[in-house]
Amino acid sequence: MKKIAAILLTMIIIGILLIGVQELPKFGEANNPANNYVMEKYIQDGVKDTGALNIVTGIILDYRAFDTFAEATVLFTGAIVVLVVLKKEE
């Protein structure tokens, strides 16, 4: 019974994901959300706003600093959990 429920749930999730993929914009079109005004702002004002000479560094450490901090927190928390789980009992 559990295998049937797992298979059914997996098929439902796959169906939902496939429906979502169909709604994505076509790859490479100029009006896609990835090609909007934010990219232009980063390129035009990145050096002036951040003071970083490398645009990638400016985006990661200034524009997206909070997001980068949250990602680092998740990674370090995961590493700590792995160490605690794998710790040998003495």
Protein backbone atom coordinates (compact mmCIF):
# COMPACT_ATOMS: atom_id res chain seq x y z
CA MET A 1 0.00 0.00 0.00
CA LYS A 2 2.85 2.40 0.85
CA LYS A 3 4.53 1.76 -2.51
CA ILE A 4 1.32 2.56 -4.38
CA ALA A 5 0.83 5.77 -2.37
CA ALA A 6 4.46 6.78 -3.00
CA ILE A 7 4.14 6.12 -6.74
CA LEU A 8 0.84 8.03 -6.90
CA LEU A 9 2.28 11.00 -4.99
CA THR A 10 5.37 11.02 -7.22
CA MET A 11 3.22 11.01 -10.37
CA ILE A 12 1.12 13.90 -9.03
CA ILE A 13 4.24 15.94 -8.24
CA ILE A 14 5.72 15.19 -11.67
CA GLY A 15 2.45 16.28 -13.31
CA ILE A 16 2.38 19.56 -11.36
CA LEU A 17 6.02 20.27 -12.26
CA LEU A 18 5.40 19.54 -15.95
CA ILE A 19 2.44 21.93 -15.98
CA GLY A 20 4.66 24.58 -14.40
CA VAL A 21 7.40 24.05 -16.98
CA GLN A 22 4.93 24.60 -19.80
CA GLU A 23 4.20 28.07 -18.40
CA LEU A 24 7.86 29.18 -18.51
CA PRO A 25 8.83 31.73 -21.17
CA LYS A 26 10.75 30.50 -24.20
CA PHE A 27 14.52 30.45 -23.78
CA GLY A 28 16.44 33.38 -25.26
CA GLU A 29 13.58 35.79 -25.92
CA ALA A 30 14.43 39.46 -25.33
CA ASN A 31 11.38 40.14 -23.14
CA ASN A 32 12.02 37.30 -20.68
CA PRO A 33 12.17 38.28 -17.01
CA ALA A 34 15.88 37.40 -16.96
CA ASN A 35 16.48 40.14 -19.55
CA ASN A 36 14.74 42.98 -17.75
CA TYR A 37 15.73 46.32 -16.25
CA VAL A 38 17.55 44.80 -13.24
CA MET A 39 20.32 43.43 -15.46
CA GLU A 40 20.68 46.81 -17.15
CA LYS A 41 20.92 48.56 -13.76
CA TYR A 42 23.60 46.17 -12.53
CA ILE A 43 25.67 46.68 -15.67
CA GLN A 44 25.27 50.46 -15.93
CA ASP A 45 25.43 51.47 -12.25
CA GLY A 46 27.27 48.55 -10.67
CA VAL A 47 30.69 50.17 -10.33
CA LYS A 48 29.23 53.50 -9.19
CA ASP A 49 26.82 51.96 -6.65
CA THR A 50 29.13 49.35 -5.14
CA GLY A 51 32.64 50.66 -5.69
CA ALA A 52 33.73 47.18 -6.79
CA LEU A 53 35.70 46.96 -10.01
CA ASN A 54 34.46 43.43 -10.67
CA ILE A 55 30.73 43.47 -11.49
CA VAL A 56 30.18 39.90 -10.23
CA THR A 57 31.76 40.73 -6.88
CA GLY A 58 29.66 43.88 -6.62
CA ILE A 59 26.44 41.99 -7.31
CA ILE A 60 27.19 39.17 -4.88
CA LEU A 61 28.59 41.22 -2.00
CA ASP A 62 26.53 44.41 -2.27
CA TYR A 63 23.28 43.94 -4.17
CA ARG A 64 22.66 40.37 -3.01
CA ALA A 65 24.52 40.35 0.31
CA PHE A 66 21.52 39.31 2.42
CA ASP A 67 20.69 36.44 0.07
CA THR A 68 24.32 35.30 0.04
CA PHE A 69 24.40 35.45 3.85
CA ALA A 70 21.26 33.30 4.06
CA GLU A 71 22.75 30.73 1.66
CA ALA A 72 25.96 30.57 3.68
CA THR A 73 23.94 30.12 6.87
CA VAL A 74 22.06 27.18 5.36
CA LEU A 75 25.30 25.56 4.18
CA PHE A 76 27.02 25.96 7.56
CA THR A 77 23.94 24.69 9.41
CA GLY A 78 23.87 21.63 7.16
CA ALA A 79 27.58 21.00 7.80
CA ILE A 80 27.07 21.24 11.56
CA VAL A 81 24.13 18.82 11.41
CA VAL A 82 26.21 16.32 9.42
CA LEU A 83 29.04 16.58 11.97
CA VAL A 84 26.65 16.08 14.88
CA VAL A 85 24.99 13.07 13.23
CA LEU A 86 28.28 11.42 12.29
CA LYS A 87 29.99 12.15 15.62
CA LYS A 88 31.31 9.04 17.32
CA GLU A 89 30.11 8.34 20.83
CA GLU A 90 32.92 8.06 23.37
